PDB file of N, CA and C in Angstrom:
ATOM      1  N   MET A   1       0.819  -1.243  -0.020  1.00  0.00           N
ATOM      2  CA  MET A   1       0.028   0.014  -0.057  1.00  0.00           C
ATOM      3  C   MET A   1       0.752   1.227  -0.038  1.00  0.00           C
ATOM      4  N   PRO A   2       0.493   2.348  -0.831  1.00  0.00           N
ATOM      5  CA  PRO A   2       1.406   3.422  -0.812  1.00  0.00           C
ATOM      6  C   PRO A   2       1.572   4.115   0.575  1.00  0.00           C
ATOM      7  N   ASP A   3       2.576   4.834   0.895  1.00  0.00           N
ATOM      8  CA  ASP A   3       2.884   5.519   2.105  1.00  0.00           C
ATOM      9  C   ASP A   3       1.690   6.402   2.495  1.00  0.00           C
ATOM     10  N   GLU A   4       1.004   7.129   1.331  1.00  0.00           N
ATOM     11  CA  GLU A   4       0.139   8.207   1.373  1.00  0.00           C
ATOM     12  C   GLU A   4      -0.955   7.997   0.576  1.00  0.00           C
ATOM     13  N   MET A   5      -2.318   7.971   1.065  1.00  0.00           N
ATOM     14  CA  MET A   5      -3.440   7.851   0.215  1.00  0.00           C
ATOM     15  C   MET A   5      -3.892   9.229  -0.037  1.00  0.00           C
ATOM     16  N   GLN A   6      -4.158   9.593  -1.272  1.00  0.00           N
ATOM     17  CA  GLN A   6      -4.744  10.846  -1.724  1.00  0.00           C
ATOM     18  C   GLN A   6      -6.240  10.649  -1.476  1.00  0.00           C
ATOM     19  N   LEU A   7      -6.713  11.517  -0.880  1.00  0.00           N
ATOM     20  CA  LEU A   7      -8.348  11.502  -0.557  1.00  0.00           C
ATOM     21  C   LEU A   7      -8.857  12.564  -1.377  1.00  0.00           C
ATOM     22  N   PRO A   8     -10.122  12.506  -1.924  1.00  0.00           N
ATOM     23  CA  PRO A   8     -10.677  13.531  -2.839  1.00  0.00           C
ATOM     24  C   PRO A   8     -10.654  14.873  -1.930  1.00  0.00           C
ATOM     25  N   GLU A   9     -10.523  16.034  -2.636  1.00  0.00           N
ATOM     26  CA  GLU A   9     -10.493  17.286  -1.940  1.00  0.00           C
ATOM     27  C   GLU A   9     -11.972  17.556  -1.428  1.00  0.00           C
ATOM     28  N   LEU A  10     -12.166  18.132  -0.054  1.00  0.00           N
ATOM     29  CA  LEU A  10     -13.307  18.505   0.467  1.00  0.00           C
ATOM     30  C   LEU A  10     -13.839  19.715  -0.023  1.00  0.00           C
ATOM     31  N   VAL A  11     -12.981  20.550  -0.451  1.00  0.00           N
ATOM     32  CA  VAL A  11     -13.362  21.947  -1.038  1.00  0.00           C
ATOM     33  C   VAL A  11     -12.850  22.160  -2.325  1.00  0.00           C
ATOM     34  N   ASP A  12     -13.530  22.563  -3.245  1.00  0.00           N
ATOM     35  CA  ASP A  12     -13.103  22.903  -4.596  1.00  0.00           C
ATOM     36  C   ASP A  12     -12.479  24.469  -4.523  1.00  0.00           C
ATOM     37  N   THR A  13     -11.259  24.387  -4.334  1.00  0.00           N
ATOM     38  CA  THR A  13     -10.584  25.802  -4.068  1.00  0.00           C
ATOM     39  C   THR A  13     -10.504  26.685  -5.281  1.00  0.00           C
ATOM     40  N   THR A  14     -10.783  25.983  -6.452  1.00  0.00           N
ATOM     41  CA  THR A  14     -10.722  26.960  -7.589  1.00  0.00           C
ATOM     42  C   THR A  14     -11.905  27.753  -7.679  1.00  0.00           C
ATOM     43  N   ALA A  15     -12.908  27.401  -6.909  1.00  0.00           N
ATOM     44  CA  ALA A  15     -14.366  28.073  -7.007  1.00  0.00           C
ATOM     45  C   ALA A  15     -14.726  28.769  -5.796  1.00  0.00           C
ATOM     46  N   THR A  16     -13.718  28.912  -4.931  1.00  0.00           N
ATOM     47  CA  THR A  16     -14.015  29.505  -3.491  1.00  0.00           C
ATOM     48  C   THR A  16     -13.527  30.927  -3.372  1.00  0.00           C
ATOM     49  N   VAL A  17     -13.110  31.439  -4.343  1.00  0.00           N
ATOM     50  CA  VAL A  17     -12.694  32.938  -4.079  1.00  0.00           C
ATOM     51  C   VAL A  17     -13.698  34.055  -4.355  1.00  0.00           C
ATOM     52  N   THR A  18     -13.730  34.817  -3.222  1.00  0.00           N
ATOM     53  CA  THR A  18     -14.931  35.921  -3.336  1.00  0.00           C
ATOM     54  C   THR A  18     -14.606  37.062  -4.123  1.00  0.00           C
ATOM     55  N   GLY A  19     -15.487  38.165  -4.098  1.00  0.00           N
ATOM     56  CA  GLY A  19     -15.181  39.349  -5.021  1.00  0.00           C
ATOM     57  C   GLY A  19     -13.916  39.968  -4.458  1.00  0.00           C
ATOM     58  N   ASP A  20     -13.540  39.918  -3.210  1.00  0.00           N
ATOM     59  CA  ASP A  20     -12.378  40.710  -2.722  1.00  0.00           C
ATOM     60  C   ASP A  20     -11.134  39.795  -2.725  1.00  0.00           C
ATOM     61  N   GLY A  21     -11.201  38.628  -3.518  1.00  0.00           N
ATOM     62  CA  GLY A  21     -10.001  37.872  -3.704  1.00  0.00           C
ATOM     63  C   GLY A  21      -9.758  37.012  -2.616  1.00  0.00           C
ATOM     64  N   THR A  22     -10.461  36.953  -1.577  1.00  0.00           N
ATOM     65  CA  THR A  22     -10.057  35.962  -0.358  1.00  0.00           C
ATOM     66  C   THR A  22     -10.974  34.844  -0.406  1.00  0.00           C
ATOM     67  N   ALA A  23     -10.563  33.765   0.320  1.00  0.00           N
ATOM     68  CA  ALA A  23     -11.409  32.471   0.322  1.00  0.00           C
ATOM     69  C   ALA A  23     -12.630  32.842   1.371  1.00  0.00           C
ATOM     70  N   PRO A  24     -13.809  32.268   1.027  1.00  0.00           N
ATOM     71  CA  PRO A  24     -14.889  32.448   2.021  1.00  0.00           C
ATOM     72  C   PRO A  24     -14.590  31.996   3.323  1.00  0.00           C
ATOM     73  N   ARG A  25     -15.194  32.424   4.402  1.00  0.00           N
ATOM     74  CA  ARG A  25     -14.782  31.834   5.761  1.00  0.00           C
ATOM     75  C   ARG A  25     -14.784  30.480   6.104  1.00  0.00           C
ATOM     76  N   GLY A  26     -15.947  29.723   5.617  1.00  0.00           N
ATOM     77  CA  GLY A  26     -16.075  28.330   5.833  1.00  0.00           C
ATOM     78  C   GLY A  26     -14.797  27.626   5.207  1.00  0.00           C
ATOM     79  N   ALA A  27     -14.280  27.958   3.869  1.00  0.00           N
ATOM     80  CA  ALA A  27     -13.155  27.394   3.414  1.00  0.00           C
ATOM     81  C   ALA A  27     -11.951  27.477   4.168  1.00  0.00           C
ATOM     82  N   ARG A  28     -11.677  28.728   4.713  1.00  0.00           N
ATOM     83  CA  ARG A  28     -10.480  29.151   5.394  1.00  0.00           C
ATOM     84  C   ARG A  28     -10.509  28.285   6.658  1.00  0.00           C
ATOM     85  N   GLU A  29     -11.695  28.320   7.344  1.00  0.00           N
ATOM     86  CA  GLU A  29     -11.814  27.442   8.560  1.00  0.00           C
ATOM     87  C   GLU A  29     -11.421  25.837   8.259  1.00  0.00           C
ATOM     88  N   LEU A  30     -11.767  25.381   7.247  1.00  0.00           N
ATOM     89  CA  LEU A  30     -11.686  23.930   6.904  1.00  0.00           C
ATOM     90  C   LEU A  30     -10.062  23.615   6.642  1.00  0.00           C
ATOM     91  N   GLU A  31      -9.311  24.617   6.181  1.00  0.00           N
ATOM     92  CA  GLU A  31      -8.028  24.479   5.829  1.00  0.00           C
ATOM     93  C   GLU A  31      -7.086  23.988   7.067  1.00  0.00           C
ATOM     94  N   ALA A  32      -7.770  24.360   8.286  1.00  0.00           N
ATOM     95  CA  ALA A  32      -7.045  23.964   9.407  1.00  0.00           C
ATOM     96  C   ALA A  32      -6.976  22.543   9.768  1.00  0.00           C
ATOM     97  N   VAL A  33      -7.806  21.716   9.170  1.00  0.00           N
ATOM     98  CA  VAL A  33      -7.922  20.280   9.296  1.00  0.00           C
ATOM     99  C   VAL A  33      -7.118  19.477   8.170  1.00  0.00           C
ATOM    100  N   TYR A  34      -6.700  20.191   7.128  1.00  0.00           N
ATOM    101  CA  TYR A  34      -5.983  19.476   6.062  1.00  0.00           C
ATOM    102  C   TYR A  34      -4.728  18.641   6.454  1.00  0.00           C
ATOM    103  N   ASP A  35      -4.130  19.070   7.507  1.00  0.00           N
ATOM    104  CA  ASP A  35      -2.973  18.563   7.849  1.00  0.00           C
ATOM    105  C   ASP A  35      -2.876  17.473   9.086  1.00  0.00           C
ATOM    106  N   ILE A  36      -4.165  17.141   9.351  1.00  0.00           N
ATOM    107  CA  ILE A  36      -4.502  16.150  10.488  1.00  0.00           C
ATOM    108  C   ILE A  36      -4.334  14.680   9.908  1.00  0.00           C
ATOM    109  N   PRO A  37      -3.468  14.130  10.378  1.00  0.00           N
ATOM    110  CA  PRO A  37      -3.356  12.558   9.953  1.00  0.00           C
ATOM    111  C   PRO A  37      -4.619  11.793  10.282  1.00  0.00           C
ATOM    112  N   VAL A  38      -4.888  10.894   9.474  1.00  0.00           N
ATOM    113  CA  VAL A  38      -6.022   9.943   9.685  1.00  0.00           C
ATOM    114  C   VAL A  38      -5.490   8.533   9.418  1.00  0.00           C
ATOM    115  N   THR A  39      -6.150   7.499   9.806  1.00  0.00           N
ATOM    116  CA  THR A  39      -5.810   6.136   9.447  1.00  0.00           C
ATOM    117  C   THR A  39      -6.727   5.720   8.398  1.00  0.00           C
ATOM    118  N   VAL A  40      -6.442   5.139   7.217  1.00  0.00           N
ATOM    119  CA  VAL A  40      -7.295   4.638   6.162  1.00  0.00           C
ATOM    120  C   VAL A  40      -7.039   3.168   6.144  1.00  0.00           C
ATOM    121  N   SER A  41      -8.239   2.427   6.413  1.00  0.00           N
ATOM    122  CA  SER A  41      -8.109   0.797   6.253  1.00  0.00           C
ATOM    123  C   SER A  41      -8.987   0.380   5.108  1.00  0.00           C
ATOM    124  N   ALA A  42      -8.610  -0.566   4.443  1.00  0.00           N
ATOM    125  CA  ALA A  42      -9.234  -1.270   3.360  1.00  0.00           C
ATOM    126  C   ALA A  42      -9.600  -2.611   3.923  1.00  0.00           C
ATOM    127  N   VAL A  43     -10.883  -2.894   4.091  1.00  0.00           N
ATOM    128  CA  VAL A  43     -11.031  -4.331   4.741  1.00  0.00           C
ATOM    129  C   VAL A  43     -11.663  -5.324   3.630  1.00  0.00           C
ATOM    130  N   LEU A  44     -10.833  -6.286   3.303  1.00  0.00           N
ATOM    131  CA  LEU A  44     -11.220  -7.333   2.281  1.00  0.00           C
ATOM    132  C   LEU A  44     -12.405  -8.167   2.657  1.00  0.00           C
ATOM    133  N   GLY A  45     -12.475  -8.346   3.928  1.00  0.00           N
ATOM    134  CA  GLY A  45     -13.562  -9.400   4.361  1.00  0.00           C
ATOM    135  C   GLY A  45     -13.196  -9.697   5.886  1.00  0.00           C
ATOM    136  N   LYS A  46     -14.122 -10.390   6.406  1.00  0.00           N
ATOM    137  CA  LYS A  46     -13.909 -10.857   7.863  1.00  0.00           C
ATOM    138  C   LYS A  46     -14.203 -12.357   7.998  1.00  0.00           C
ATOM    139  N   ALA A  47     -13.840 -12.908   8.982  1.00  0.00           N
ATOM    140  CA  ALA A  47     -13.975 -14.240   9.296  1.00  0.00           C
ATOM    141  C   ALA A  47     -14.183 -14.429  10.657  1.00  0.00           C
ATOM    142  N   THR A  48     -14.986 -15.439  11.206  1.00  0.00           N
ATOM    143  CA  THR A  48     -15.164 -15.577  12.587  1.00  0.00           C
ATOM    144  C   THR A  48     -14.618 -17.041  12.670  1.00  0.00           C
ATOM    145  N   MET A  49     -13.879 -17.450  13.770  1.00  0.00           N
ATOM    146  CA  MET A  49     -13.334 -18.901  14.199  1.00  0.00           C
ATOM    147  C   MET A  49     -13.008 -19.049  15.595  1.00  0.00           C
ATOM    148  N   GLN A  50     -13.039 -20.131  16.010  1.00  0.00           N
ATOM    149  CA  GLN A  50     -12.773 -20.510  17.433  1.00  0.00           C
ATOM    150  C   GLN A  50     -11.097 -20.359  17.474  1.00  0.00           C
ATOM    151  N   VAL A  51     -10.775 -20.232  18.878  1.00  0.00           N
ATOM    152  CA  VAL A  51      -9.452 -19.998  19.019  1.00  0.00           C
ATOM    153  C   VAL A  51      -8.807 -21.394  18.682  1.00  0.00           C
ATOM    154  N   SER A  52      -9.248 -22.395  18.943  1.00  0.00           N
ATOM    155  CA  SER A  52      -8.730 -23.728  18.588  1.00  0.00           C
ATOM    156  C   SER A  52      -8.437 -23.886  17.033  1.00  0.00           C
ATOM    157  N   GLN A  53      -9.221 -23.238  16.206  1.00  0.00           N
ATOM    158  CA  GLN A  53      -9.234 -23.305  14.728  1.00  0.00           C
ATOM    159  C   GLN A  53      -8.156 -22.481  14.423  1.00  0.00           C
ATOM    160  N   LEU A  54      -8.033 -21.330  14.834  1.00  0.00           N
ATOM    161  CA  LEU A  54      -6.867 -20.352  14.832  1.00  0.00           C
ATOM    162  C   LEU A  54      -5.508 -20.850  15.146  1.00  0.00           C
ATOM    163  N   LEU A  55      -5.352 -21.678  16.018  1.00  0.00           N
ATOM    164  CA  LEU A  55      -4.113 -22.202  16.475  1.00  0.00           C
ATOM    165  C   LEU A  55      -3.819 -23.289  15.741  1.00  0.00           C
ATOM    166  N   LYS A  56      -4.644 -23.892  14.886  1.00  0.00           N
ATOM    167  CA  LYS A  56      -4.300 -24.857  13.878  1.00  0.00           C
ATOM    168  C   LYS A  56      -3.893 -24.441  12.504  1.00  0.00           C
ATOM    169  N   LEU A  57      -3.881 -23.038  12.364  1.00  0.00           N
ATOM    170  CA  LEU A  57      -3.482 -22.556  11.176  1.00  0.00           C
ATOM    171  C   LEU A  57      -1.939 -22.462  10.978  1.00  0.00           C
ATOM    172  N   GLY A  58      -1.661 -22.779   9.647  1.00  0.00           N
ATOM    173  CA  GLY A  58      -0.021 -22.889   9.371  1.00  0.00           C
ATOM    174  C   GLY A  58       0.207 -22.125   8.039  1.00  0.00           C
ATOM    175  N   ARG A  59       1.297 -22.077   7.675  1.00  0.00           N
ATOM    176  CA  ARG A  59       1.719 -21.601   6.417  1.00  0.00           C
ATOM    177  C   ARG A  59       0.885 -22.383   5.374  1.00  0.00           C
ATOM    178  N   GLY A  60       0.371 -21.495   4.462  1.00  0.00           N
ATOM    179  CA  GLY A  60      -0.475 -22.061   3.344  1.00  0.00           C
ATOM    180  C   GLY A  60      -1.864 -22.110   3.657  1.00  0.00           C
ATOM    181  N   ALA A  61      -2.306 -22.111   4.957  1.00  0.00           N
ATOM    182  CA  ALA A  61      -3.596 -22.089   5.273  1.00  0.00           C
ATOM    183  C   ALA A  61      -4.490 -21.114   4.630  1.00  0.00           C
ATOM    184  N   VAL A  62      -5.688 -21.344   4.224  1.00  0.00           N
ATOM    185  CA  VAL A  62      -6.623 -20.458   3.651  1.00  0.00           C
ATOM    186  C   VAL A  62      -7.814 -20.196   4.598  1.00  0.00           C
ATOM    187  N   VAL A  63      -7.915 -18.802   4.819  1.00  0.00           N
ATOM    188  CA  VAL A  63      -8.934 -18.395   5.749  1.00  0.00           C
ATOM    189  C   VAL A  63     -10.124 -17.829   4.850  1.00  0.00           C
ATOM    190  N   GLU A  64     -11.283 -18.518   4.850  1.00  0.00           N
ATOM    191  CA  GLU A  64     -12.335 -18.011   3.895  1.00  0.00           C
ATOM    192  C   GLU A  64     -13.003 -16.763   4.533  1.00  0.00           C
ATOM    193  N   LEU A  65     -13.144 -15.811   3.685  1.00  0.00           N
ATOM    194  CA  LEU A  65     -13.703 -14.552   4.138  1.00  0.00           C
ATOM    195  C   LEU A  65     -15.275 -14.401   3.570  1.00  0.00           C
ATOM    196  N   ASP A  66     -15.984 -13.367   4.331  1.00  0.00           N
ATOM    197  CA  ASP A  66     -17.418 -13.241   4.117  1.00  0.00           C
ATOM    198  C   ASP A  66     -17.668 -12.544   2.868  1.00  0.00           C
ATOM    199  N   ARG A  67     -16.925 -12.288   1.984  1.00  0.00           N
ATOM    200  CA  ARG A  67     -16.774 -11.579   0.615  1.00  0.00           C
ATOM    201  C   ARG A  67     -16.726 -12.571  -0.516  1.00  0.00           C
ATOM    202  N   LYS A  68     -17.241 -12.264  -1.761  1.00  0.00           N
ATOM    203  CA  LYS A  68     -17.387 -12.954  -2.921  1.00  0.00           C
ATOM    204  C   LYS A  68     -16.226 -12.219  -3.646  1.00  0.00           C
ATOM    205  N   LEU A  69     -15.509 -12.899  -4.616  1.00  0.00           N
ATOM    206  CA  LEU A  69     -14.684 -12.321  -5.492  1.00  0.00           C
ATOM    207  C   LEU A  69     -15.228 -11.066  -6.309  1.00  0.00           C
ATOM    208  N   GLY A  70     -14.594 -10.086  -6.506  1.00  0.00           N
ATOM    209  CA  GLY A  70     -15.236  -8.946  -7.110  1.00  0.00           C
ATOM    210  C   GLY A  70     -16.202  -8.063  -6.494  1.00  0.00           C
ATOM    211  N   GLU A  71     -16.708  -8.551  -5.365  1.00  0.00           N
ATOM    212  CA  GLU A  71     -17.564  -7.681  -4.272  1.00  0.00           C
ATOM    213  C   GLU A  71     -16.699  -6.552  -3.728  1.00  0.00           C
ATOM    214  N   ALA A  72     -17.338  -5.425  -3.575  1.00  0.00           N
ATOM    215  CA  ALA A  72     -16.818  -4.186  -3.225  1.00  0.00           C
ATOM    216  C   ALA A  72     -16.176  -4.454  -1.640  1.00  0.00           C
ATOM    217  N   ILE A  73     -14.976  -3.820  -1.577  1.00  0.00           N
ATOM    218  CA  ILE A  73     -14.479  -3.849  -0.217  1.00  0.00           C
ATOM    219  C   ILE A  73     -14.825  -2.537   0.721  1.00  0.00           C
ATOM    220  N   ASP A  74     -14.756  -2.589   1.947  1.00  0.00           N
ATOM    221  CA  ASP A  74     -15.010  -1.456   2.908  1.00  0.00           C
ATOM    222  C   ASP A  74     -13.857  -0.703   3.236  1.00  0.00           C
ATOM    223  N   ILE A  75     -14.114   0.615   3.119  1.00  0.00           N
ATOM    224  CA  ILE A  75     -12.965   1.491   3.292  1.00  0.00           C
ATOM    225  C   ILE A  75     -13.299   2.442   4.488  1.00  0.00           C
ATOM    226  N   TYR A  76     -12.449   2.343   5.573  1.00  0.00           N
ATOM    227  CA  TYR A  76     -12.586   3.026   6.809  1.00  0.00           C
ATOM    228  C   TYR A  76     -11.771   4.129   7.011  1.00  0.00           C
ATOM    229  N   VAL A  77     -12.061   5.308   7.578  1.00  0.00           N
ATOM    230  CA  VAL A  77     -11.292   6.290   7.916  1.00  0.00           C
ATOM    231  C   VAL A  77     -11.316   6.455   9.475  1.00  0.00           C
ATOM    232  N   ASN A  78     -10.212   6.217  10.273  1.00  0.00           N
ATOM    233  CA  ASN A  78     -10.359   6.291  11.723  1.00  0.00           C
ATOM    234  C   ASN A  78     -11.449   5.426  12.262  1.00  0.00           C
ATOM    235  N   ASN A  79     -11.450   4.003  11.758  1.00  0.00           N
ATOM    236  CA  ASN A  79     -12.418   3.121  12.112  1.00  0.00           C
ATOM    237  C   ASN A  79     -14.041   3.518  11.761  1.00  0.00           C
ATOM    238  N   ARG A  80     -14.234   4.428  10.936  1.00  0.00           N
ATOM    239  CA  ARG A  80     -15.542   4.747  10.565  1.00  0.00           C
ATOM    240  C   ARG A  80     -15.796   4.447   9.047  1.00  0.00           C
ATOM    241  N   LEU A  81     -16.785   3.601   8.626  1.00  0.00           N
ATOM    242  CA  LEU A  81     -17.178   3.418   7.269  1.00  0.00           C
ATOM    243  C   LEU A  81     -17.259   4.537   6.499  1.00  0.00           C
ATOM    244  N   VAL A  82     -16.566   4.857   5.591  1.00  0.00           N
ATOM    245  CA  VAL A  82     -16.796   6.088   4.597  1.00  0.00           C
ATOM    246  C   VAL A  82     -17.024   5.742   3.250  1.00  0.00           C
ATOM    247  N   ALA A  83     -16.517   4.590   2.717  1.00  0.00           N
ATOM    248  CA  ALA A  83     -16.778   4.318   1.078  1.00  0.00           C
ATOM    249  C   ALA A  83     -16.581   2.884   1.070  1.00  0.00           C
ATOM    250  N   ARG A  84     -16.913   2.445  -0.109  1.00  0.00           N
ATOM    251  CA  ARG A  84     -16.730   1.199  -0.740  1.00  0.00           C
ATOM    252  C   ARG A  84     -15.890   1.172  -2.011  1.00  0.00           C
ATOM    253  N   GLY A  85     -15.046   0.254  -2.331  1.00  0.00           N
ATOM    254  CA  GLY A  85     -14.236   0.217  -3.507  1.00  0.00           C
ATOM    255  C   GLY A  85     -13.782  -0.877  -4.047  1.00  0.00           C
ATOM    256  N   GLU A  86     -12.753  -0.999  -4.970  1.00  0.00           N
ATOM    257  CA  GLU A  86     -12.242  -2.097  -5.415  1.00  0.00           C
ATOM    258  C   GLU A  86     -10.824  -2.126  -5.389  1.00  0.00           C
ATOM    259  N   VAL A  87     -10.109  -3.228  -5.209  1.00  0.00           N
ATOM    260  CA  VAL A  87      -8.662  -3.346  -5.121  1.00  0.00           C
ATOM    261  C   VAL A  87      -8.058  -3.189  -6.414  1.00  0.00           C
ATOM    262  N   VAL A  88      -6.777  -2.454  -6.534  1.00  0.00           N
ATOM    263  CA  VAL A  88      -6.354  -2.273  -7.938  1.00  0.00           C
ATOM    264  C   VAL A  88      -4.749  -2.429  -7.678  1.00  0.00           C
ATOM    265  N   MET A  89      -4.007  -2.722  -8.765  1.00  0.00           N
ATOM    266  CA  MET A  89      -2.736  -2.811  -8.718  1.00  0.00           C
ATOM    267  C   MET A  89      -2.179  -1.537  -8.888  1.00  0.00           C
ATOM    268  N   VAL A  90      -1.096  -0.877  -8.077  1.00  0.00           N
ATOM    269  CA  VAL A  90      -0.507   0.329  -8.238  1.00  0.00           C
ATOM    270  C   VAL A  90       0.707   0.164  -8.967  1.00  0.00           C
ATOM    271  N   ASP A  91       1.549  -0.677  -8.518  1.00  0.00           N
ATOM    272  CA  ASP A  91       2.865  -0.968  -9.149  1.00  0.00           C
ATOM    273  C   ASP A  91       2.828  -2.353  -9.315  1.00  0.00           C
ATOM    274  N   ASP A  92       3.898  -3.078  -9.790  1.00  0.00           N
ATOM    275  CA  ASP A  92       4.090  -4.521  -9.942  1.00  0.00           C
ATOM    276  C   ASP A  92       3.805  -5.202  -8.562  1.00  0.00           C
ATOM    277  N   ASN A  93       4.202  -4.603  -7.480  1.00  0.00           N
ATOM    278  CA  ASN A  93       3.999  -5.152  -6.088  1.00  0.00           C
ATOM    279  C   ASN A  93       3.295  -4.477  -5.134  1.00  0.00           C
ATOM    280  N   ARG A  94       2.466  -3.429  -5.512  1.00  0.00           N
ATOM    281  CA  ARG A  94       1.838  -2.844  -4.502  1.00  0.00           C
ATOM    282  C   ARG A  94       0.240  -2.695  -5.024  1.00  0.00           C
ATOM    283  N   LEU A  95      -0.583  -2.769  -3.807  1.00  0.00           N
ATOM    284  CA  LEU A  95      -1.906  -2.826  -4.013  1.00  0.00           C
ATOM    285  C   LEU A  95      -2.543  -1.298  -3.610  1.00  0.00           C
ATOM    286  N   GLY A  96      -3.680  -0.865  -4.239  1.00  0.00           N
ATOM    287  CA  GLY A  96      -4.398   0.357  -3.886  1.00  0.00           C
ATOM    288  C   GLY A  96      -5.848  -0.044  -3.994  1.00  0.00           C
ATOM    289  N   VAL A  97      -6.536   1.032  -3.706  1.00  0.00           N
ATOM    290  CA  VAL A  97      -8.103   0.861  -3.454  1.00  0.00           C
ATOM    291  C   VAL A  97      -8.632   2.110  -4.368  1.00  0.00           C
ATOM    292  N   THR A  98      -9.517   1.762  -5.264  1.00  0.00           N
ATOM    293  CA  THR A  98     -10.380   2.764  -6.038  1.00  0.00           C
ATOM    294  C   THR A  98     -11.636   3.024  -5.289  1.00  0.00           C
ATOM    295  N   MET A  99     -12.099   4.245  -4.904  1.00  0.00           N
ATOM    296  CA  MET A  99     -13.383   4.311  -4.279  1.00  0.00           C
ATOM    297  C   MET A  99     -14.420   4.384  -5.325  1.00  0.00           C
ATOM    298  N   THR A 100     -15.578   3.630  -5.163  1.00  0.00           N
ATOM    299  CA  THR A 100     -16.476   3.464  -6.126  1.00  0.00           C
ATOM    300  C   THR A 100     -17.944   3.943  -5.677  1.00  0.00           C
ATOM    301  N   GLU A 101     -17.812   4.169  -4.287  1.00  0.00           N
ATOM    302  CA  GLU A 101     -19.148   4.522  -3.537  1.00  0.00           C
ATOM    303  C   GLU A 101     -18.778   5.226  -2.309  1.00  0.00           C
ATOM    304  N   ILE A 102     -19.244   6.498  -1.989  1.00  0.00           N
ATOM    305  CA  ILE A 102     -19.259   7.023  -0.813  1.00  0.00           C
ATOM    306  C   ILE A 102     -20.527   6.713   0.174  1.00  0.00           C
ATOM    307  N   VAL A 103     -20.189   6.325   1.302  1.00  0.00           N
ATOM    308  CA  VAL A 103     -21.138   5.928   2.258  1.00  0.00           C
ATOM    309  C   VAL A 103     -21.768   7.143   2.942  1.00  0.00           C
ATOM    310  N   LYS A 104     -23.176   7.319   3.018  1.00  0.00           N
ATOM    311  CA  LYS A 104     -23.529   8.319   3.617  1.00  0.00           C
ATOM    312  C   LYS A 104     -23.481   8.219   5.059  1.00  0.00           C
ATOM    313  N   ALA A 105     -22.925   9.255   5.887  1.00  0.00           N
ATOM    314  CA  ALA A 105     -22.783   9.154   7.292  1.00  0.00           C
ATOM    315  C   ALA A 105     -24.108   9.372   7.956  1.00  0.00           C
ATOM    316  N   ASP A 106     -24.200   8.410   8.913  1.00  0.00           N
ATOM    317  CA  ASP A 106     -25.508   8.535   9.916  1.00  0.00           C
ATOM    318  C   ASP A 106     -25.105   9.599  11.081  1.00  0.00           C
ATOM    319  N   ARG A 107     -25.619  10.698  10.971  1.00  0.00           N
ATOM    320  CA  ARG A 107     -25.432  11.527  11.891  1.00  0.00           C
ATOM    321  C   ARG A 107     -25.955  11.416  13.221  1.00  0.00           C
ATOM    322  N   GLY A 108     -26.738  10.323  13.492  1.00  0.00           N
ATOM    323  CA  GLY A 108     -27.361  10.146  14.814  1.00  0.00           C
ATOM    324  C   GLY A 108     -26.461   9.498  15.689  1.00  0.00           C
ATOM    325  N   VAL A 109     -25.119   9.269  15.315  1.00  0.00           N
ATOM    326  CA  VAL A 109     -24.206   8.502  16.130  1.00  0.00           C
ATOM    327  C   VAL A 109     -23.354   9.499  16.870  1.00  0.00           C
TER     328      VAL A 109
END
């Protein structure tokens, strides 16, 4: 996985200049969070097993996940589901994720 993942811009800065040449108040305030680091996780799937089954796993063992081949994976930011996507090859030996769907946040949490 690349060292840094580029997330889509939250604000279109090309269209946020006011008549006096300054950015609107909301856009300026949002710039304060641009440098805050977040943890991005891409979850291929999950499996549940007993500890005894886990201890029997060895090299070459296959753990069956709850997803089908080609099914979208979940993308989390700071442990919150934000999107779904597909696994892509970035380089010959690196994987990445293409976001295909943004998950609407439940504001009741």
